[in-house]
Amino acid sequence: MSVASHLHSERFKVVVCRNLGPDLVIWPEDRACERSWLMENIPGATGVIVMLTDKVRSLSGPSLKVVSTMSVGYEHIDLKAVAQRGLKVGYTPDVLTDAVADLSVMLALMAGRNGGVGVDLVQKGQWPNFSWAPFSLCGPQLSTTAASPTRKIGFLGFGRIAQVTLARLVPFGITHCLYSSNPSSPPNHARDAALAKQHNLQAVSKVDIDELSRESDVLFILAPGGSDTYHVVDERLLRKMKRTSILVNASRGTLVDSDALAKALREGWIWGAGLDVVEGEPNVAIDHPLVKEPRCVIVPHVASATLETRREMATRAAQNLIAAILGGEMPAQVNMANV
């Protein structure tokens, strides 16, 4: 039986926790759905599509088969509770790789070139009062120059997004790529040599985290969240970095100790930081220690916020849901074996 005929032969109830476009309107407002609404509508549902803002701790209803999240992360889902119910969980990796890589480069440039300070100067109407000077608003250049012919880019985590980010940095004249990943994973010398040759780099090298922090001109944090990486960027690591180095975090806020980073910026251990994520978000108000730092550029978790990527994520979330309901193979399913 085809998928189309199967869909017509049996009725399924699906709950969607956000408006995913003009052709599908369930929760009528473009904000996180109210918990009471979700719990009222979930009974009798076969599947549910949720967002990062929707906390999935316990869901009622014996007919429920699948929880499909329109996100790469699934920390908002209690996997143990879901596994005990025998539910499948779908997510949306891969489709946002390019968008996150684009934003990572943007944050590196903005942090290095005092983008936050400059934008603030204009938006607060202070440009007419700004006294130009030869070295005012200057910052470290991302691209190589005759005076600085070496640029070392570091990655904490060297998965797909990191490697695509590296490719975008090659035209800036990057000479070395350093990375640190799961300590239990052995170095992939063949892959690293191939990447170095492909991008005409002097070297692509796996190093320990101390060398990574010491040597990187720009350090991109692109590793998974969780207890193993909690505050991996702490005061000890930040003190090892160059005074002209840039830190970029486009993965999870929990990887970076916010207080330590604010201190590093305030006392000049590093030059600047570009953040798409902050621990405790969205509760990042004007009195947050990182918001107070002029050389910290923060955007509100928008790495995947392109029209193209969000459409792909919505499509993947729907495909995961439909496949699970019909007993097919989900395009992207969370492995529940070790939960």
C-alpha atoms as a PDB file:
ATOM      1  CA  MET A   1       0.000   0.000   0.000  1.00  0.00           C
ATOM      2  CA  SER A   2       1.383   3.443  -0.909  1.00  0.00           C
ATOM      3  CA  VAL A   3       1.879   6.182   1.684  1.00  0.00           C
ATOM      4  CA  ALA A   4      -0.862   8.264   0.039  1.00  0.00           C
ATOM      5  CA  SER A   5      -3.430   5.435   0.116  1.00  0.00           C
ATOM      6  CA  HIS A   6      -2.471   4.574   3.684  1.00  0.00           C
ATOM      7  CA  LEU A   7      -3.029   8.177   4.749  1.00  0.00           C
ATOM      8  CA  HIS A   8      -6.485   8.159   3.136  1.00  0.00           C
ATOM      9  CA  SER A   9      -7.478   4.786   4.619  1.00  0.00           C
ATOM     10  CA  GLU A  10      -6.844   5.698   8.264  1.00  0.00           C
ATOM     11  CA  ARG A  11      -7.273   8.873  10.275  1.00  0.00           C
ATOM     12  CA  PHE A  12      -4.483  10.137  12.534  1.00  0.00           C
ATOM     13  CA  LYS A  13      -4.507  13.010  14.985  1.00  0.00           C
ATOM     14  CA  VAL A  14      -1.303  15.072  15.053  1.00  0.00           C
ATOM     15  CA  VAL A  15      -0.513  17.938  17.448  1.00  0.00           C
ATOM     16  CA  VAL A  16       1.842  20.705  16.244  1.00  0.00           C
ATOM     17  CA  CYS A  17       3.281  23.177  18.763  1.00  0.00           C
ATOM     18  CA  ARG A  18       3.989  26.057  16.370  1.00  0.00           C
ATOM     19  CA  ASN A  19       2.656  27.511  13.115  1.00  0.00           C
ATOM     20  CA  LEU A  20       4.891  25.949  10.445  1.00  0.00           C
ATOM     21  CA  GLY A  21       3.562  27.927   7.515  1.00  0.00           C
ATOM     22  CA  PRO A  22       0.363  29.157   5.839  1.00  0.00           C
ATOM     23  CA  ASP A  23      -0.828  25.649   4.956  1.00  0.00           C
ATOM     24  CA  LEU A  24      -0.634  24.241   8.481  1.00  0.00           C
ATOM     25  CA  VAL A  25      -1.944  26.257  11.388  1.00  0.00           C
ATOM     26  CA  ILE A  26      -2.544  24.439  14.648  1.00  0.00           C
ATOM     27  CA  TRP A  27      -1.322  26.496  17.586  1.00  0.00           C
ATOM     28  CA  PRO A  28      -2.452  29.901  16.296  1.00  0.00           C
ATOM     29  CA  GLU A  29       0.308  32.112  17.713  1.00  0.00           C
ATOM     30  CA  ASP A  30       3.960  32.383  16.721  1.00  0.00           C
ATOM     31  CA  ARG A  31       5.276  31.771  20.215  1.00  0.00           C
ATOM     32  CA  ALA A  32       5.812  28.778  22.448  1.00  0.00           C
ATOM     33  CA  CYS A  33       2.546  26.957  22.915  1.00  0.00           C
ATOM     34  CA  GLU A  34       1.006  27.039  26.343  1.00  0.00           C
ATOM     35  CA  ARG A  35       1.558  23.885  28.360  1.00  0.00           C
ATOM     36  CA  SER A  36      -2.137  23.640  29.174  1.00  0.00           C
ATOM     37  CA  TRP A  37      -2.970  23.699  25.446  1.00  0.00           C
ATOM     38  CA  LEU A  38      -0.508  20.910  24.727  1.00  0.00           C
ATOM     39  CA  MET A  39      -1.738  18.700  27.556  1.00  0.00           C
ATOM     40  CA  GLU A  40      -5.346  19.319  26.531  1.00  0.00           C
ATOM     41  CA  ASN A  41      -4.717  18.314  22.929  1.00  0.00           C
ATOM     42  CA  ILE A  42      -2.207  15.490  23.274  1.00  0.00           C
ATOM     43  CA  PRO A  43      -4.705  12.786  24.364  1.00  0.00           C
ATOM     44  CA  GLY A  44      -5.686  10.750  21.320  1.00  0.00           C
ATOM     45  CA  ALA A  45      -2.753  12.071  19.272  1.00  0.00           C
ATOM     46  CA  THR A  46      -0.606   9.676  17.247  1.00  0.00           C
ATOM     47  CA  GLY A  47       2.298  12.108  16.992  1.00  0.00           C
ATOM     48  CA  VAL A  48       3.431  15.515  18.161  1.00  0.00           C
ATOM     49  CA  ILE A  49       5.793  18.057  16.605  1.00  0.00           C
ATOM     50  CA  VAL A  50       7.577  20.201  19.184  1.00  0.00           C
ATOM     51  CA  MET A  51      10.130  23.008  19.265  1.00  0.00           C
ATOM     52  CA  LEU A  52      13.117  23.641  21.543  1.00  0.00           C
ATOM     53  CA  THR A  53      10.854  25.783  23.706  1.00  0.00           C
ATOM     54  CA  ASP A  54       8.430  22.918  24.365  1.00  0.00           C
ATOM     55  CA  LYS A  55       9.532  20.840  27.345  1.00  0.00           C
ATOM     56  CA  VAL A  56       8.631  17.182  26.878  1.00  0.00           C
ATOM     57  CA  ARG A  57       8.728  15.497  30.263  1.00  0.00           C
ATOM     58  CA  SER A  58       5.581  13.388  30.281  1.00  0.00           C
ATOM     59  CA  LEU A  59       2.968  12.956  27.586  1.00  0.00           C
ATOM     60  CA  SER A  60      -0.306  11.141  28.049  1.00  0.00           C
ATOM     61  CA  GLY A  61      -2.221   9.064  25.548  1.00  0.00           C
ATOM     62  CA  PRO A  62      -1.798   5.389  24.637  1.00  0.00           C
ATOM     63  CA  SER A  63      -2.028   6.155  20.902  1.00  0.00           C
ATOM     64  CA  LEU A  64       1.101   8.344  20.877  1.00  0.00           C
ATOM     65  CA  LYS A  65       3.882   6.888  18.721  1.00  0.00           C
ATOM     66  CA  VAL A  66       6.349   9.674  17.987  1.00  0.00           C
ATOM     67  CA  VAL A  67       7.742  12.973  19.232  1.00  0.00           C
ATOM     68  CA  SER A  68       9.276  14.934  16.352  1.00  0.00           C
ATOM     69  CA  THR A  69      11.285  18.036  17.246  1.00  0.00           C
ATOM     70  CA  MET A  70      12.095  20.806  14.790  1.00  0.00           C
ATOM     71  CA  SER A  71      15.614  21.164  16.124  1.00  0.00           C
ATOM     72  CA  VAL A  72      19.021  19.517  16.153  1.00  0.00           C
ATOM     73  CA  GLY A  73      19.204  19.440  19.938  1.00  0.00           C
ATOM     74  CA  TYR A  74      16.778  17.386  21.978  1.00  0.00           C
ATOM     75  CA  GLU A  75      17.716  18.381  25.524  1.00  0.00           C
ATOM     76  CA  HIS A  76      14.136  19.590  25.989  1.00  0.00           C
ATOM     77  CA  ILE A  77      12.899  16.007  25.666  1.00  0.00           C
ATOM     78  CA  ASP A  78      13.142  13.618  28.608  1.00  0.00           C
ATOM     79  CA  LEU A  79      14.537  10.702  26.615  1.00  0.00           C
ATOM     80  CA  LYS A  80      14.275   8.263  29.512  1.00  0.00           C
ATOM     81  CA  ALA A  81      10.584   8.974  29.970  1.00  0.00           C
ATOM     82  CA  VAL A  82       9.983   8.793  26.232  1.00  0.00           C
ATOM     83  CA  ALA A  83      11.946   5.538  25.918  1.00  0.00           C
ATOM     84  CA  GLN A  84       9.926   3.964  28.715  1.00  0.00           C
ATOM     85  CA  ARG A  85       6.821   4.714  26.689  1.00  0.00           C
ATOM     86  CA  GLY A  86       8.386   3.089  23.622  1.00  0.00           C
ATOM     87  CA  LEU A  87       8.088   6.291  21.608  1.00  0.00           C
ATOM     88  CA  LYS A  88      10.274   7.253  18.685  1.00  0.00           C
ATOM     89  CA  VAL A  89      12.019  10.628  18.613  1.00  0.00           C
ATOM     90  CA  GLY A  90      12.833  12.476  15.404  1.00  0.00           C
ATOM     91  CA  TYR A  91      15.096  15.512  15.036  1.00  0.00           C
ATOM     92  CA  THR A  92      16.514  17.690  12.238  1.00  0.00           C
ATOM     93  CA  PRO A  93      20.318  17.470  11.937  1.00  0.00           C
ATOM     94  CA  ASP A  94      22.375  18.259   8.831  1.00  0.00           C
ATOM     95  CA  VAL A  95      19.890  20.634   7.192  1.00  0.00           C
ATOM     96  CA  LEU A  96      21.185  23.606   9.189  1.00  0.00           C
ATOM     97  CA  THR A  97      24.909  22.993   8.667  1.00  0.00           C
ATOM     98  CA  ASP A  98      25.436  25.785   6.140  1.00  0.00           C
ATOM     99  CA  ALA A  99      23.388  28.337   8.063  1.00  0.00           C
ATOM    100  CA  VAL A 100      25.310  27.715  11.303  1.00  0.00           C
ATOM    101  CA  ALA A 101      28.645  27.885   9.468  1.00  0.00           C
ATOM    102  CA  ASP A 102      27.648  31.207   7.893  1.00  0.00           C
ATOM    103  CA  LEU A 103      26.691  32.688  11.251  1.00  0.00           C
ATOM    104  CA  SER A 104      29.863  31.396  12.919  1.00  0.00           C
ATOM    105  CA  VAL A 105      32.002  33.319  10.434  1.00  0.00           C
ATOM    106  CA  MET A 106      29.805  36.396  10.890  1.00  0.00           C
ATOM    107  CA  LEU A 107      30.282  36.276  14.663  1.00  0.00           C
ATOM    108  CA  ALA A 108      34.050  35.907  14.289  1.00  0.00           C
ATOM    109  CA  LEU A 109      34.199  38.986  12.073  1.00  0.00           C
ATOM    110  CA  MET A 110      31.897  41.056  14.266  1.00  0.00           C
ATOM    111  CA  ALA A 111      33.762  40.178  17.458  1.00  0.00           C
ATOM    112  CA  GLY A 112      37.180  40.819  15.939  1.00  0.00           C
ATOM    113  CA  ARG A 113      36.267  44.091  14.268  1.00  0.00           C
ATOM    114  CA  ASN A 114      34.324  45.569  17.191  1.00  0.00           C
ATOM    115  CA  GLY A 115      31.049  45.177  15.332  1.00  0.00           C
ATOM    116  CA  GLY A 116      28.945  45.320  18.475  1.00  0.00           C
ATOM    117  CA  VAL A 117      30.625  48.521  19.657  1.00  0.00           C
ATOM    118  CA  GLY A 118      30.285  50.139  16.239  1.00  0.00           C
ATOM    119  CA  VAL A 119      26.611  49.258  15.785  1.00  0.00           C
ATOM    120  CA  ASP A 120      25.828  50.470  19.296  1.00  0.00           C
ATOM    121  CA  LEU A 121      27.624  53.748  18.610  1.00  0.00           C
ATOM    122  CA  VAL A 122      25.448  54.436  15.569  1.00  0.00           C
ATOM    123  CA  GLN A 123      22.145  53.199  16.987  1.00  0.00           C
ATOM    124  CA  LYS A 124      22.528  55.328  20.109  1.00  0.00           C
ATOM    125  CA  GLY A 125      23.182  58.422  17.974  1.00  0.00           C
ATOM    126  CA  GLN A 126      26.733  58.847  19.233  1.00  0.00           C
ATOM    127  CA  TRP A 127      28.547  58.780  15.881  1.00  0.00           C
ATOM    128  CA  PRO A 128      28.519  62.617  15.571  1.00  0.00           C
ATOM    129  CA  ASN A 129      30.214  62.808  18.975  1.00  0.00           C
ATOM    130  CA  PHE A 130      32.773  60.115  18.195  1.00  0.00           C
ATOM    131  CA  SER A 131      36.301  61.423  17.820  1.00  0.00           C
ATOM    132  CA  TRP A 132      38.124  59.462  15.109  1.00  0.00           C
ATOM    133  CA  ALA A 133      41.675  58.346  15.887  1.00  0.00           C
ATOM    134  CA  PRO A 134      44.084  56.172  13.900  1.00  0.00           C
ATOM    135  CA  PHE A 135      43.616  53.146  16.156  1.00  0.00           C
ATOM    136  CA  SER A 136      40.093  53.658  17.457  1.00  0.00           C
ATOM    137  CA  LEU A 137      37.680  50.754  16.869  1.00  0.00           C
ATOM    138  CA  CYS A 138      40.547  48.667  15.486  1.00  0.00           C
ATOM    139  CA  GLY A 139      40.711  44.926  16.021  1.00  0.00           C
ATOM    140  CA  PRO A 140      42.657  41.881  14.872  1.00  0.00           C
ATOM    141  CA  GLN A 141      42.242  41.068  11.191  1.00  0.00           C
ATOM    142  CA  LEU A 142      40.847  37.639  10.347  1.00  0.00           C
ATOM    143  CA  SER A 143      42.691  37.373   7.038  1.00  0.00           C
ATOM    144  CA  THR A 144      46.449  37.009   6.742  1.00  0.00           C
ATOM    145  CA  THR A 145      48.679  39.961   5.886  1.00  0.00           C
ATOM    146  CA  ALA A 146      52.310  40.423   4.977  1.00  0.00           C
ATOM    147  CA  ALA A 147      53.001  41.386   8.571  1.00  0.00           C
ATOM    148  CA  SER A 148      50.943  38.465   9.936  1.00  0.00           C
ATOM    149  CA  PRO A 149      51.294  35.616   7.431  1.00  0.00           C
ATOM    150  CA  THR A 150      50.024  32.901   9.773  1.00  0.00           C
ATOM    151  CA  ARG A 151      46.438  32.371  10.907  1.00  0.00           C
ATOM    152  CA  LYS A 152      45.499  29.419  13.088  1.00  0.00           C
ATOM    153  CA  ILE A 153      41.835  28.568  13.400  1.00  0.00           C
ATOM    154  CA  GLY A 154      40.739  26.251  16.208  1.00  0.00           C
ATOM    155  CA  PHE A 155      37.648  24.110  16.612  1.00  0.00           C
ATOM    156  CA  LEU A 156      36.382  22.555  19.806  1.00  0.00           C
ATOM    157  CA  GLY A 157      34.415  19.797  18.117  1.00  0.00           C
ATOM    158  CA  PHE A 158      35.235  18.924  14.524  1.00  0.00           C
ATOM    159  CA  GLY A 159      32.070  17.535  13.030  1.00  0.00           C
ATOM    160  CA  ARG A 160      30.222  18.510   9.888  1.00  0.00           C
ATOM    161  CA  ILE A 161      29.499  22.122  10.902  1.00  0.00           C
ATOM    162  CA  ALA A 162      33.101  22.763  11.924  1.00  0.00           C
ATOM    163  CA  GLN A 163      34.449  21.409   8.655  1.00  0.00           C
ATOM    164  CA  VAL A 164      32.017  23.491   6.601  1.00  0.00           C
ATOM    165  CA  THR A 165      32.988  26.553   8.671  1.00  0.00           C
ATOM    166  CA  LEU A 166      36.646  25.819   7.916  1.00  0.00           C
ATOM    167  CA  ALA A 167      35.883  25.770   4.185  1.00  0.00           C
ATOM    168  CA  ARG A 168      34.341  29.243   4.454  1.00  0.00           C
ATOM    169  CA  LEU A 169      37.452  30.559   6.199  1.00  0.00           C
ATOM    170  CA  VAL A 170      39.937  29.312   3.604  1.00  0.00           C
ATOM    171  CA  PRO A 171      39.629  32.427   1.363  1.00  0.00           C
ATOM    172  CA  PHE A 172      40.792  34.542   4.303  1.00  0.00           C
ATOM    173  CA  GLY A 173      44.196  32.911   3.988  1.00  0.00           C
ATOM    174  CA  ILE A 174      43.949  30.537   6.928  1.00  0.00           C
ATOM    175  CA  THR A 175      47.173  28.576   7.242  1.00  0.00           C
ATOM    176  CA  HIS A 176      46.503  26.069  10.041  1.00  0.00           C
ATOM    177  CA  CYS A 177      43.475  24.255  11.396  1.00  0.00           C
ATOM    178  CA  LEU A 178      43.624  22.859  14.920  1.00  0.00           C
ATOM    179  CA  TYR A 179      40.868  20.892  16.553  1.00  0.00           C
ATOM    180  CA  SER A 180      40.053  19.021  19.717  1.00  0.00           C
ATOM    181  CA  SER A 181      37.275  16.466  19.801  1.00  0.00           C
ATOM    182  CA  ASN A 182      36.186  13.463  21.837  1.00  0.00           C
ATOM    183  CA  PRO A 183      39.335  12.213  23.609  1.00  0.00           C
ATOM    184  CA  SER A 184      38.277   8.610  23.008  1.00  0.00           C
ATOM    185  CA  SER A 185      38.271   9.153  19.238  1.00  0.00           C
ATOM    186  CA  PRO A 186      41.682   8.502  17.657  1.00  0.00           C
ATOM    187  CA  PRO A 187      43.112  11.071  15.237  1.00  0.00           C
ATOM    188  CA  ASN A 188      41.980  10.619  11.638  1.00  0.00           C
ATOM    189  CA  HIS A 189      45.289  11.341   9.923  1.00  0.00           C
ATOM    190  CA  ALA A 190      44.098  10.375   6.457  1.00  0.00           C
ATOM    191  CA  ARG A 191      41.088  12.663   6.637  1.00  0.00           C
ATOM    192  CA  ASP A 192      43.135  15.515   8.103  1.00  0.00           C
ATOM    193  CA  ALA A 193      45.776  15.208   5.378  1.00  0.00           C
ATOM    194  CA  ALA A 194      43.051  15.209   2.733  1.00  0.00           C
ATOM    195  CA  LEU A 195      41.462  18.347   4.230  1.00  0.00           C
ATOM    196  CA  ALA A 196      44.833  20.108   4.375  1.00  0.00           C
ATOM    197  CA  LYS A 197      45.458  19.287   0.718  1.00  0.00           C
ATOM    198  CA  GLN A 198      41.927  20.239  -0.340  1.00  0.00           C
ATOM    199  CA  HIS A 199      42.134  23.640   1.335  1.00  0.00           C
ATOM    200  CA  ASN A 200      45.827  24.269   0.705  1.00  0.00           C
ATOM    201  CA  LEU A 201      46.573  24.492   4.426  1.00  0.00           C
ATOM    202  CA  GLN A 202      49.909  23.879   6.057  1.00  0.00           C
ATOM    203  CA  ALA A 203      48.291  21.469   8.511  1.00  0.00           C
ATOM    204  CA  VAL A 204      45.051  20.119   9.934  1.00  0.00           C
ATOM    205  CA  SER A 205      45.884  18.690  13.344  1.00  0.00           C
ATOM    206  CA  LYS A 206      44.111  17.152  16.312  1.00  0.00           C
ATOM    207  CA  VAL A 207      45.571  18.626  19.495  1.00  0.00           C
ATOM    208  CA  ASP A 208      44.731  18.624  23.190  1.00  0.00           C
ATOM    209  CA  ILE A 209      42.514  21.372  24.513  1.00  0.00           C
ATOM    210  CA  ASP A 210      45.400  23.265  26.116  1.00  0.00           C
ATOM    211  CA  GLU A 211      47.284  23.579  22.830  1.00  0.00           C
ATOM    212  CA  LEU A 212      44.032  24.443  21.107  1.00  0.00           C
ATOM    213  CA  SER A 213      43.442  27.372  23.456  1.00  0.00           C
ATOM    214  CA  ARG A 214      47.065  28.589  23.297  1.00  0.00           C
ATOM    215  CA  GLU A 215      47.468  28.517  19.532  1.00  0.00           C
ATOM    216  CA  SER A 216      44.090  29.493  18.058  1.00  0.00           C
ATOM    217  CA  ASP A 217      43.621  33.003  16.702  1.00  0.00           C
ATOM    218  CA  VAL A 218      39.905  32.251  16.504  1.00  0.00           C
ATOM    219  CA  LEU A 219      38.416  29.416  18.536  1.00  0.00           C
ATOM    220  CA  PHE A 220      35.051  28.089  17.396  1.00  0.00           C
ATOM    221  CA  ILE A 221      32.988  26.133  19.925  1.00  0.00           C
ATOM    222  CA  LEU A 222      30.981  23.618  17.885  1.00  0.00           C
ATOM    223  CA  ALA A 223      30.721  20.609  20.180  1.00  0.00           C
ATOM    224  CA  PRO A 224      27.636  18.856  21.575  1.00  0.00           C
ATOM    225  CA  GLY A 225      26.109  19.884  24.878  1.00  0.00           C
ATOM    226  CA  GLY A 226      25.671  17.638  27.891  1.00  0.00           C
ATOM    227  CA  SER A 227      27.459  16.814  31.118  1.00  0.00           C
ATOM    228  CA  ASP A 228      30.715  15.835  29.371  1.00  0.00           C
ATOM    229  CA  THR A 229      31.190  19.326  27.909  1.00  0.00           C
ATOM    230  CA  TYR A 230      29.651  21.432  30.689  1.00  0.00           C
ATOM    231  CA  HIS A 231      31.792  24.583  31.167  1.00  0.00           C
ATOM    232  CA  VAL A 232      34.612  23.075  29.130  1.00  0.00           C
ATOM    233  CA  VAL A 233      35.480  26.686  28.328  1.00  0.00           C
ATOM    234  CA  ASP A 234      36.348  27.851  31.819  1.00  0.00           C
ATOM    235  CA  GLU A 235      38.745  30.313  33.412  1.00  0.00           C
ATOM    236  CA  ARG A 236      41.696  27.949  33.085  1.00  0.00           C
ATOM    237  CA  LEU A 237      41.214  27.575  29.350  1.00  0.00           C
ATOM    238  CA  LEU A 238      40.506  31.262  28.742  1.00  0.00           C
ATOM    239  CA  ARG A 239      43.673  32.314  30.557  1.00  0.00           C
ATOM    240  CA  LYS A 240      45.714  30.269  28.078  1.00  0.00           C
ATOM    241  CA  MET A 241      44.319  32.070  25.021  1.00  0.00           C
ATOM    242  CA  LYS A 242      46.045  34.905  23.167  1.00  0.00           C
ATOM    243  CA  ARG A 243      45.161  38.479  24.054  1.00  0.00           C
ATOM    244  CA  THR A 244      44.158  39.014  20.412  1.00  0.00           C
ATOM    245  CA  SER A 245      42.110  35.816  20.113  1.00  0.00           C
ATOM    246  CA  ILE A 246      38.389  35.551  19.407  1.00  0.00           C
ATOM    247  CA  LEU A 247      35.990  33.028  20.933  1.00  0.00           C
ATOM    248  CA  VAL A 248      32.877  32.005  18.979  1.00  0.00           C
ATOM    249  CA  ASN A 249      30.142  29.782  20.417  1.00  0.00           C
ATOM    250  CA  ALA A 250      27.393  28.575  18.078  1.00  0.00           C
ATOM    251  CA  SER A 251      26.663  25.242  19.759  1.00  0.00           C
ATOM    252  CA  ARG A 252      25.298  25.238  23.331  1.00  0.00           C
ATOM    253  CA  GLY A 253      25.524  27.882  26.017  1.00  0.00           C
ATOM    254  CA  THR A 254      26.411  25.341  28.682  1.00  0.00           C
ATOM    255  CA  LEU A 255      29.855  24.782  27.156  1.00  0.00           C
ATOM    256  CA  VAL A 256      31.029  28.243  28.213  1.00  0.00           C
ATOM    257  CA  ASP A 257      31.264  29.555  31.782  1.00  0.00           C
ATOM    258  CA  SER A 258      29.640  32.980  31.307  1.00  0.00           C
ATOM    259  CA  ASP A 259      31.219  34.519  34.402  1.00  0.00           C
ATOM    260  CA  ALA A 260      34.682  33.353  33.387  1.00  0.00           C
ATOM    261  CA  LEU A 261      34.223  34.684  29.844  1.00  0.00           C
ATOM    262  CA  ALA A 262      32.989  38.044  31.118  1.00  0.00           C
ATOM    263  CA  LYS A 263      36.061  38.268  33.354  1.00  0.00           C
ATOM    264  CA  ALA A 264      38.331  37.325  30.448  1.00  0.00           C
ATOM    265  CA  LEU A 265      36.861  40.107  28.311  1.00  0.00           C
ATOM    266  CA  ARG A 266      36.851  42.661  31.122  1.00  0.00           C
ATOM    267  CA  GLU A 267      40.486  41.989  32.047  1.00  0.00           C
ATOM    268  CA  GLY A 268      41.713  41.582  28.466  1.00  0.00           C
ATOM    269  CA  TRP A 269      42.755  37.933  28.465  1.00  0.00           C
ATOM    270  CA  ILE A 270      41.154  37.638  25.003  1.00  0.00           C
ATOM    271  CA  TRP A 271      40.094  40.246  22.467  1.00  0.00           C
ATOM    272  CA  GLY A 272      36.416  39.471  21.951  1.00  0.00           C
ATOM    273  CA  ALA A 273      33.635  36.918  21.754  1.00  0.00           C
ATOM    274  CA  GLY A 274      30.778  36.194  19.382  1.00  0.00           C
ATOM    275  CA  LEU A 275      27.910  34.181  20.870  1.00  0.00           C
ATOM    276  CA  ASP A 276      24.769  32.719  19.366  1.00  0.00           C
ATOM    277  CA  VAL A 277      24.027  30.843  22.584  1.00  0.00           C
ATOM    278  CA  VAL A 278      24.328  31.727  26.266  1.00  0.00           C
ATOM    279  CA  GLU A 279      23.783  29.509  29.271  1.00  0.00           C
ATOM    280  CA  GLY A 280      20.364  30.149  30.784  1.00  0.00           C
ATOM    281  CA  GLU A 281      18.918  31.642  27.591  1.00  0.00           C
ATOM    282  CA  PRO A 282      16.543  33.285  26.922  1.00  0.00           C
ATOM    283  CA  ASN A 283      16.923  34.790  30.399  1.00  0.00           C
ATOM    284  CA  VAL A 284      19.772  37.038  29.270  1.00  0.00           C
ATOM    285  CA  ALA A 285      18.813  40.540  30.360  1.00  0.00           C
ATOM    286  CA  ILE A 286      20.635  43.850  30.172  1.00  0.00           C
ATOM    287  CA  ASP A 287      22.321  43.198  33.519  1.00  0.00           C
ATOM    288  CA  HIS A 288      23.848  39.895  32.373  1.00  0.00           C
ATOM    289  CA  PRO A 289      27.661  40.000  32.796  1.00  0.00           C
ATOM    290  CA  LEU A 290      28.254  39.207  29.117  1.00  0.00           C
ATOM    291  CA  VAL A 291      25.764  41.796  27.880  1.00  0.00           C
ATOM    292  CA  LYS A 292      27.736  44.380  29.828  1.00  0.00           C
ATOM    293  CA  GLU A 293      30.946  43.568  27.929  1.00  0.00           C
ATOM    294  CA  PRO A 294      31.320  45.813  24.823  1.00  0.00           C
ATOM    295  CA  ARG A 295      33.472  43.291  22.966  1.00  0.00           C
ATOM    296  CA  CYS A 296      30.966  40.487  23.375  1.00  0.00           C
ATOM    297  CA  VAL A 297      28.596  40.259  20.407  1.00  0.00           C
ATOM    298  CA  ILE A 298      25.476  38.269  21.274  1.00  0.00           C
ATOM    299  CA  VAL A 299      22.662  37.261  18.937  1.00  0.00           C
ATOM    300  CA  PRO A 300      19.601  35.385  20.272  1.00  0.00           C
ATOM    301  CA  HIS A 301      20.168  31.792  19.113  1.00  0.00           C
ATOM    302  CA  VAL A 302      19.524  32.464  15.428  1.00  0.00           C
ATOM    303  CA  ALA A 303      22.177  30.275  13.789  1.00  0.00           C
ATOM    304  CA  SER A 304      19.580  28.315  11.815  1.00  0.00           C
ATOM    305  CA  ALA A 305      17.379  31.357  11.142  1.00  0.00           C
ATOM    306  CA  THR A 306      17.385  31.474   7.368  1.00  0.00           C
ATOM    307  CA  LEU A 307      14.191  31.064   5.393  1.00  0.00           C
ATOM    308  CA  GLU A 308      15.677  28.141   3.499  1.00  0.00           C
ATOM    309  CA  THR A 309      16.922  26.299   6.571  1.00  0.00           C
ATOM    310  CA  ARG A 310      13.768  26.721   8.639  1.00  0.00           C
ATOM    311  CA  ARG A 311      11.659  25.416   5.737  1.00  0.00           C
ATOM    312  CA  GLU A 312      13.940  22.390   5.495  1.00  0.00           C
ATOM    313  CA  MET A 313      13.734  21.826   9.252  1.00  0.00           C
ATOM    314  CA  ALA A 314       9.933  22.027   9.191  1.00  0.00           C
ATOM    315  CA  THR A 315       9.832  19.594   6.280  1.00  0.00           C
ATOM    316  CA  ARG A 316      12.186  17.162   8.014  1.00  0.00           C
ATOM    317  CA  ALA A 317      10.151  17.318  11.230  1.00  0.00           C
ATOM    318  CA  ALA A 318       6.988  16.495   9.265  1.00  0.00           C
ATOM    319  CA  GLN A 319       8.718  13.687   7.356  1.00  0.00           C
ATOM    320  CA  ASN A 320       9.953  12.149  10.611  1.00  0.00           C
ATOM    321  CA  LEU A 321       6.448  12.278  12.046  1.00  0.00           C
ATOM    322  CA  ILE A 322       4.752  10.729   9.031  1.00  0.00           C
ATOM    323  CA  ALA A 323       7.335   7.966   8.683  1.00  0.00           C
ATOM    324  CA  ALA A 324       7.001   6.966  12.337  1.00  0.00           C
ATOM    325  CA  ILE A 325       3.210   6.961  12.185  1.00  0.00           C
ATOM    326  CA  LEU A 326       3.196   4.767   9.095  1.00  0.00           C
ATOM    327  CA  GLY A 327       5.872   2.415  10.409  1.00  0.00           C
ATOM    328  CA  GLY A 328       8.516   3.535   7.932  1.00  0.00           C
ATOM    329  CA  GLU A 329      12.121   4.607   8.405  1.00  0.00           C
ATOM    330  CA  MET A 330      12.483   8.093   9.836  1.00  0.00           C
ATOM    331  CA  PRO A 331      14.896  10.392   7.945  1.00  0.00           C
ATOM    332  CA  ALA A 332      16.524  11.350  11.252  1.00  0.00           C
ATOM    333  CA  GLN A 333      15.780   9.360  14.393  1.00  0.00           C
ATOM    334  CA  VAL A 334      17.401   9.723  17.807  1.00  0.00           C
ATOM    335  CA  ASN A 335      19.181   6.539  18.839  1.00  0.00           C
ATOM    336  CA  MET A 336      17.466   5.464  22.041  1.00  0.00           C
ATOM    337  CA  ALA A 337      19.579   2.333  22.554  1.00  0.00           C
ATOM    338  CA  ASN A 338      21.781   3.829  25.269  1.00  0.00           C
ATOM    339  CA  VAL A 339      19.162   5.974  26.983  1.00  0.00           C
END
